[in-house]
Protein backbone atom coordinates (compact mmCIF):
# COMPACT_ATOMS: atom_id res chain seq x y z
CA MET A 1 -20.01 19.47 -28.71
CA TYR A 2 -19.05 17.86 -31.82
CA ALA A 3 -20.05 15.30 -34.20
CA GLU A 4 -18.74 13.52 -37.86
CA VAL A 5 -20.37 13.46 -40.86
CA LYS A 6 -20.79 9.44 -41.43
CA LYS A 7 -23.62 9.87 -45.27
CA ILE A 8 -24.29 12.90 -47.55
CA THR A 9 -27.65 12.91 -49.79
CA LYS A 10 -28.83 15.64 -51.85
CA ILE A 11 -32.12 15.78 -51.62
CA SER A 12 -33.32 18.22 -54.34
CA PRO A 13 -31.53 20.88 -56.50
CA ASN A 14 -30.62 23.18 -53.51
CA MET A 15 -30.36 20.92 -50.13
CA VAL A 16 -27.74 18.36 -48.96
CA ARG A 17 -28.52 16.12 -46.27
CA ILE A 18 -26.21 14.82 -44.16
CA VAL A 19 -25.93 11.96 -41.64
CA PHE A 20 -23.86 12.43 -38.44
CA GLY A 21 -22.19 10.43 -35.61
CA ASP A 22 -19.40 9.84 -33.40
CA GLY A 23 -18.04 12.67 -31.40
CA ASP A 24 -19.20 13.65 -28.53
CA LEU A 25 -23.00 12.31 -29.72
CA SER A 26 -23.18 9.77 -27.50
CA ASN A 27 -23.75 13.25 -24.45
CA PHE A 28 -26.88 14.80 -26.83
CA GLU A 29 -30.15 15.49 -24.97
CA SER A 30 -33.02 15.21 -27.79
CA THR A 31 -35.90 17.37 -26.42
CA SER A 32 -39.09 16.85 -26.50
CA PHE A 33 -40.53 20.00 -29.32
CA THR A 34 -40.29 19.05 -32.85
CA ASP A 35 -38.34 21.86 -33.83
CA GLN A 36 -35.61 21.42 -32.10
CA TYR A 37 -32.27 22.81 -33.23
CA ILE A 38 -28.46 22.95 -32.89
CA ASN A 39 -26.20 26.50 -33.23
CA ALA A 40 -23.34 25.16 -35.21
CA TYR A 41 -20.26 27.29 -35.67
CA PHE A 42 -18.24 27.35 -39.62
CA VAL A 43 -14.75 27.97 -39.43
CA PRO A 44 -13.46 30.45 -42.18
CA GLU A 45 -10.77 29.39 -44.53
CA GLY A 46 -7.37 30.11 -42.94
CA ALA A 47 -8.26 29.97 -39.34
CA ASN A 48 -5.57 27.85 -37.15
CA TYR A 49 -7.77 25.85 -35.39
CA SER A 50 -9.41 22.81 -36.09
CA VAL A 51 -13.37 20.94 -34.66
CA PRO A 52 -12.61 20.21 -32.01
CA PHE A 53 -12.51 24.01 -29.99
CA ASP A 54 -11.87 26.08 -27.79
CA LEU A 55 -15.40 28.37 -29.11
CA GLU A 56 -13.57 31.33 -26.23
CA HIS A 57 -10.27 31.22 -28.18
CA ALA A 58 -11.64 31.04 -31.62
CA ARG A 59 -13.53 33.93 -31.52
CA ALA A 60 -10.08 35.40 -29.75
CA SER A 61 -8.78 34.85 -33.63
CA GLY A 62 -9.80 37.96 -34.81
CA ASP A 63 -13.07 38.68 -37.22
CA ALA A 64 -11.84 37.02 -39.93
CA TYR A 65 -11.52 33.65 -38.95
CA ARG A 66 -13.84 33.78 -35.62
CA PRO A 67 -16.46 30.62 -36.19
CA ARG A 68 -19.25 31.89 -37.89
CA PRO A 69 -22.83 30.63 -35.90
CA ARG A 70 -25.52 29.08 -37.77
CA ARG A 71 -29.05 27.35 -36.52
CA PHE A 72 -29.92 24.58 -38.22
CA THR A 73 -33.36 22.09 -37.57
CA VAL A 74 -32.57 19.02 -36.24
CA ARG A 75 -34.68 16.77 -38.48
CA GLN A 76 -33.37 13.36 -36.54
CA TRP A 77 -32.11 11.84 -34.35
CA GLU A 78 -31.63 8.40 -33.99
CA PRO A 79 -31.27 7.50 -30.50
CA GLU A 80 -29.74 4.33 -30.60
CA THR A 81 -27.64 4.56 -32.80
CA GLU A 82 -26.60 8.68 -31.83
CA GLN A 83 -26.89 9.72 -35.21
CA LEU A 84 -27.94 13.18 -35.87
CA THR A 85 -29.48 14.35 -39.56
CA ILE A 86 -28.88 17.99 -40.04
CA ASP A 87 -31.09 19.47 -43.52
CA PHE A 88 -28.93 22.19 -45.49
CA VAL A 89 -30.21 25.22 -47.83
CA THR A 90 -27.77 25.65 -49.89
CA HIS A 91 -26.92 28.80 -52.18
CA GLY A 92 -24.09 27.96 -54.58
CA ASP A 93 -20.91 30.21 -53.50
CA LYS A 94 -22.82 31.69 -50.56
CA GLY A 95 -23.08 31.35 -48.07
CA TYR A 96 -20.14 29.55 -44.72
CA ALA A 97 -23.09 26.79 -43.86
CA GLY A 98 -24.57 25.98 -47.53
CA ILE A 99 -21.00 26.50 -48.87
CA TRP A 100 -19.69 23.86 -46.23
CA ALA A 101 -22.36 20.87 -47.12
CA GLN A 102 -21.56 21.40 -50.57
CA ARG A 103 -18.38 20.84 -50.40
CA ALA A 104 -18.48 18.20 -47.00
CA THR A 105 -16.87 15.10 -47.61
CA ILE A 106 -17.13 11.14 -45.08
CA GLY A 107 -15.45 12.98 -41.79
CA ASP A 108 -15.54 16.00 -41.67
CA ARG A 109 -16.05 17.44 -38.56
CA LEU A 110 -18.78 20.25 -37.14
CA GLN A 111 -18.71 21.42 -34.32
CA PHE A 112 -21.51 22.44 -32.18
CA LYS A 113 -24.34 24.07 -29.37
CA GLY A 114 -27.77 22.04 -28.40
CA PRO A 115 -30.73 21.06 -28.94
CA ASN A 116 -32.83 24.03 -28.22
CA GLY A 117 -36.50 24.34 -29.06
CA SER A 118 -39.59 25.90 -29.10
CA TYR A 119 -42.28 24.61 -30.16
CA ALA A 120 -44.29 21.14 -31.16
CA PRO A 121 -48.00 20.09 -32.23
CA ALA A 122 -50.66 20.56 -29.46
CA ASP A 123 -53.02 17.76 -28.95
CA GLU A 124 -55.41 19.86 -27.43
CA VAL A 125 -56.04 21.56 -30.82
CA ASP A 126 -58.80 20.40 -33.50
CA TRP A 127 -56.89 21.44 -36.22
CA HIS A 128 -52.85 22.48 -37.13
CA LEU A 129 -51.66 25.34 -39.50
CA LEU A 130 -47.78 25.00 -40.63
CA ALA A 131 -46.40 27.03 -43.53
CA GLY A 132 -42.91 27.78 -44.47
CA ASP A 133 -40.29 28.40 -46.44
CA GLU A 134 -36.95 26.26 -46.54
CA SER A 135 -35.69 27.20 -44.14
CA ALA A 136 -38.98 26.58 -41.92
CA LEU A 137 -38.78 22.45 -44.56
CA PRO A 138 -36.82 20.19 -41.81
CA SER A 139 -38.66 21.61 -38.55
CA ILE A 140 -41.90 21.76 -40.48
CA SER A 141 -41.29 18.06 -41.31
CA ALA A 142 -40.69 16.71 -38.43
CA SER A 143 -43.80 18.44 -36.92
CA VAL A 144 -45.76 16.76 -38.93
CA GLU A 145 -44.75 13.29 -39.01
CA THR A 146 -45.75 13.18 -35.06
CA ILE A 147 -49.04 14.51 -35.84
CA SER A 148 -51.42 11.69 -35.01
CA ASP A 149 -52.76 10.43 -38.53
CA SER A 150 -56.31 11.25 -37.50
CA LYS A 151 -55.77 14.94 -36.64
CA PRO A 152 -56.60 17.11 -39.76
CA CYS A 153 -53.54 19.47 -40.44
CA ILE A 154 -53.05 22.20 -43.26
CA VAL A 155 -49.29 22.56 -44.49
CA PHE A 156 -48.00 25.73 -47.10
CA LEU A 157 -44.33 25.45 -48.41
CA ILE A 158 -42.79 26.94 -50.82
CA VAL A 159 -39.86 26.51 -52.60
CA ASP A 160 -39.03 27.11 -55.74
CA GLY A 161 -40.49 25.17 -58.41
CA PRO A 162 -41.74 21.45 -58.29
CA GLU A 163 -38.32 20.06 -58.54
CA ASN A 164 -37.30 21.45 -54.70
CA GLN A 165 -40.72 19.15 -52.98
CA ILE A 166 -39.31 16.92 -50.11
CA ASP A 167 -40.91 13.67 -49.11
CA PHE A 168 -41.98 12.81 -45.68
CA SER A 169 -44.43 11.80 -43.95
CA SER A 170 -47.75 12.49 -43.94
CA SER A 171 -51.63 10.42 -43.06
CA PRO A 172 -54.37 11.33 -46.35
CA ILE A 173 -55.72 13.95 -43.92
CA HIS A 174 -52.82 16.22 -43.93
CA GLU A 175 -53.01 18.48 -46.53
CA ILE A 176 -49.11 19.16 -47.98
CA ASN A 177 -49.94 22.38 -49.95
CA TRP A 178 -46.79 22.77 -52.11
CA VAL A 179 -46.35 27.07 -53.18
CA TYR A 180 -44.13 27.45 -56.62
CA ARG A 181 -42.45 30.73 -56.71
CA SER A 182 -41.72 29.55 -60.90
CA GLU A 183 -44.88 29.51 -61.07
CA ALA A 184 -46.10 33.11 -59.08
CA ILE A 185 -46.41 36.44 -59.97
CA ASP A 186 -45.35 37.63 -57.12
CA PRO A 187 -42.82 35.49 -55.40
CA GLU A 188 -42.30 36.70 -52.34
CA THR A 189 -45.83 36.68 -51.68
CA ALA A 190 -46.79 33.76 -53.13
CA LEU A 191 -46.81 31.91 -49.11
CA LEU A 192 -49.42 34.46 -47.73
CA GLU A 193 -51.63 35.01 -50.48
CA ALA A 194 -51.95 30.82 -50.64
CA ILE A 195 -52.28 30.78 -46.93
CA ARG A 196 -55.40 33.84 -47.64
CA GLU A 197 -57.41 31.88 -50.02
CA HIS A 198 -57.34 29.16 -48.00
CA GLN A 199 -60.54 28.25 -46.84
CA PHE A 200 -59.45 27.43 -42.75
CA GLN A 201 -61.89 24.44 -41.54
CA GLU A 202 -63.58 24.62 -38.05
CA GLY A 203 -62.53 24.19 -34.82
CA GLU A 204 -59.44 25.74 -32.48
CA PHE A 205 -55.71 25.03 -33.93
CA ASP A 206 -51.83 25.92 -33.31
CA VAL A 207 -50.15 27.87 -35.56
CA PHE A 208 -46.42 27.49 -37.04
CA ILE A 209 -44.94 29.79 -39.58
CA HIS A 210 -41.42 30.11 -40.43
CA GLY A 211 -39.36 31.25 -42.45
CA GLU A 212 -38.49 34.88 -44.62
CA ALA A 213 -39.00 38.26 -42.27
CA GLY A 214 -40.42 39.93 -44.41
CA GLU A 215 -43.50 37.16 -45.63
CA VAL A 216 -43.71 35.47 -42.05
CA ARG A 217 -44.33 39.48 -40.36
CA ALA A 218 -47.38 39.61 -43.56
CA ILE A 219 -48.63 36.27 -43.12
CA ARG A 220 -48.98 37.05 -39.41
CA LYS A 221 -50.63 40.29 -39.32
CA HIS A 222 -53.10 38.62 -42.07
CA LEU A 223 -53.34 35.58 -38.85
CA ILE A 224 -54.00 38.27 -36.33
CA LEU A 225 -56.09 40.61 -37.92
CA GLU A 226 -58.49 38.19 -40.43
CA ARG A 227 -58.03 35.55 -39.21
CA GLY A 228 -58.24 36.40 -35.40
CA ILE A 229 -55.70 33.64 -33.52
CA ASN A 230 -53.93 33.88 -30.74
CA ILE A 231 -50.73 36.09 -30.73
CA GLU A 232 -50.58 34.03 -27.26
CA ASN A 233 -50.23 30.40 -28.55
CA ALA A 234 -48.61 30.11 -32.12
CA SER A 235 -44.76 30.31 -33.05
CA ILE A 236 -44.53 32.86 -35.79
CA SER A 237 -41.13 33.82 -36.20
CA PRO A 238 -38.15 34.87 -39.03
CA TYR A 239 -35.90 32.42 -39.78
CA TRP A 240 -34.06 34.69 -42.25
CA ARG A 241 -34.05 38.45 -44.19
CA ARG A 242 -34.44 38.45 -47.90
CA ASP A 243 -31.14 40.89 -48.76
CA HIS A 244 -29.50 39.92 -45.10
CA THR A 245 -26.32 38.12 -44.52
CA ASP A 246 -26.97 36.01 -41.22
CA GLU A 247 -24.56 38.38 -39.60
CA THR A 248 -26.51 41.19 -40.88
CA TRP A 249 -30.32 40.28 -40.07
CA ARG A 250 -29.00 39.37 -36.39
CA SER A 251 -27.76 43.37 -35.96
CA ILE A 252 -31.14 43.87 -37.04
CA LYS A 253 -33.48 41.19 -35.84
CA LYS A 254 -34.70 42.63 -32.09
CA GLN A 255 -35.34 46.33 -33.20
CA TRP A 256 -37.08 43.60 -36.89
CA LEU A 257 -39.34 42.24 -33.85
CA VAL A 258 -40.32 45.75 -31.99
CA ASP A 259 -41.59 47.31 -35.31
CA GLN A 260 -44.37 44.27 -36.60
CA GLU A 261 -45.51 44.27 -33.45
CA ASN A 262 -46.99 47.86 -34.24
CA ASP A 263 -48.47 45.88 -37.02
CA ILE A 264 -51.10 45.71 -34.63
């Protein structure tokens, strides 16, 4: 499946929102999950193929030119207009996806598979806990926007500074806590400390925690050992690993998750 760039908006210093349309989007089948995602494929410079392409043929073009897969949350899907919105985190001249998003122009094409997903806020709980970094911002904001205005939720979002905040719809009883790395003594533990210091509400709650692997792992351990959550009913997963390329992280992620089980 592929789609074309229709609109580009820089929504923060390190995030670009791109609206896609046309292409194969008439075949897009949205899921009921608020963390639904697509697997996008980025074509390296110099490759002898372009979107749309046969994936297996492109993969056979050699390591230097095979398409680079990256996973992105669907920020919004508009079935009436058949438009798909994706928020891209950018890192200057690093990463295939971020560079593509920064250079994107109207009419550019992106090929992808999906969508898939696994989480949606549970209706039967008393309140919701969601936390993450920029990589989880689209899924968290999409999730919060589906939570009833009368249902409490507590959200923790860590970004570089106030200029990196992203607006999204929420109720006055939804508590949105922004944590800034620029103001933290230790940016790598700032999100954990914000959660650790918070007085949780009474009642049953569901959990959605996603972001950098080391930070997510520490928060997971805290929630299980100190908050007594049922891990079976929680969505807690690392999206990326600090100081690792996406390919390197993929190669060790399975063992990382096995090792994580020994934390508790």
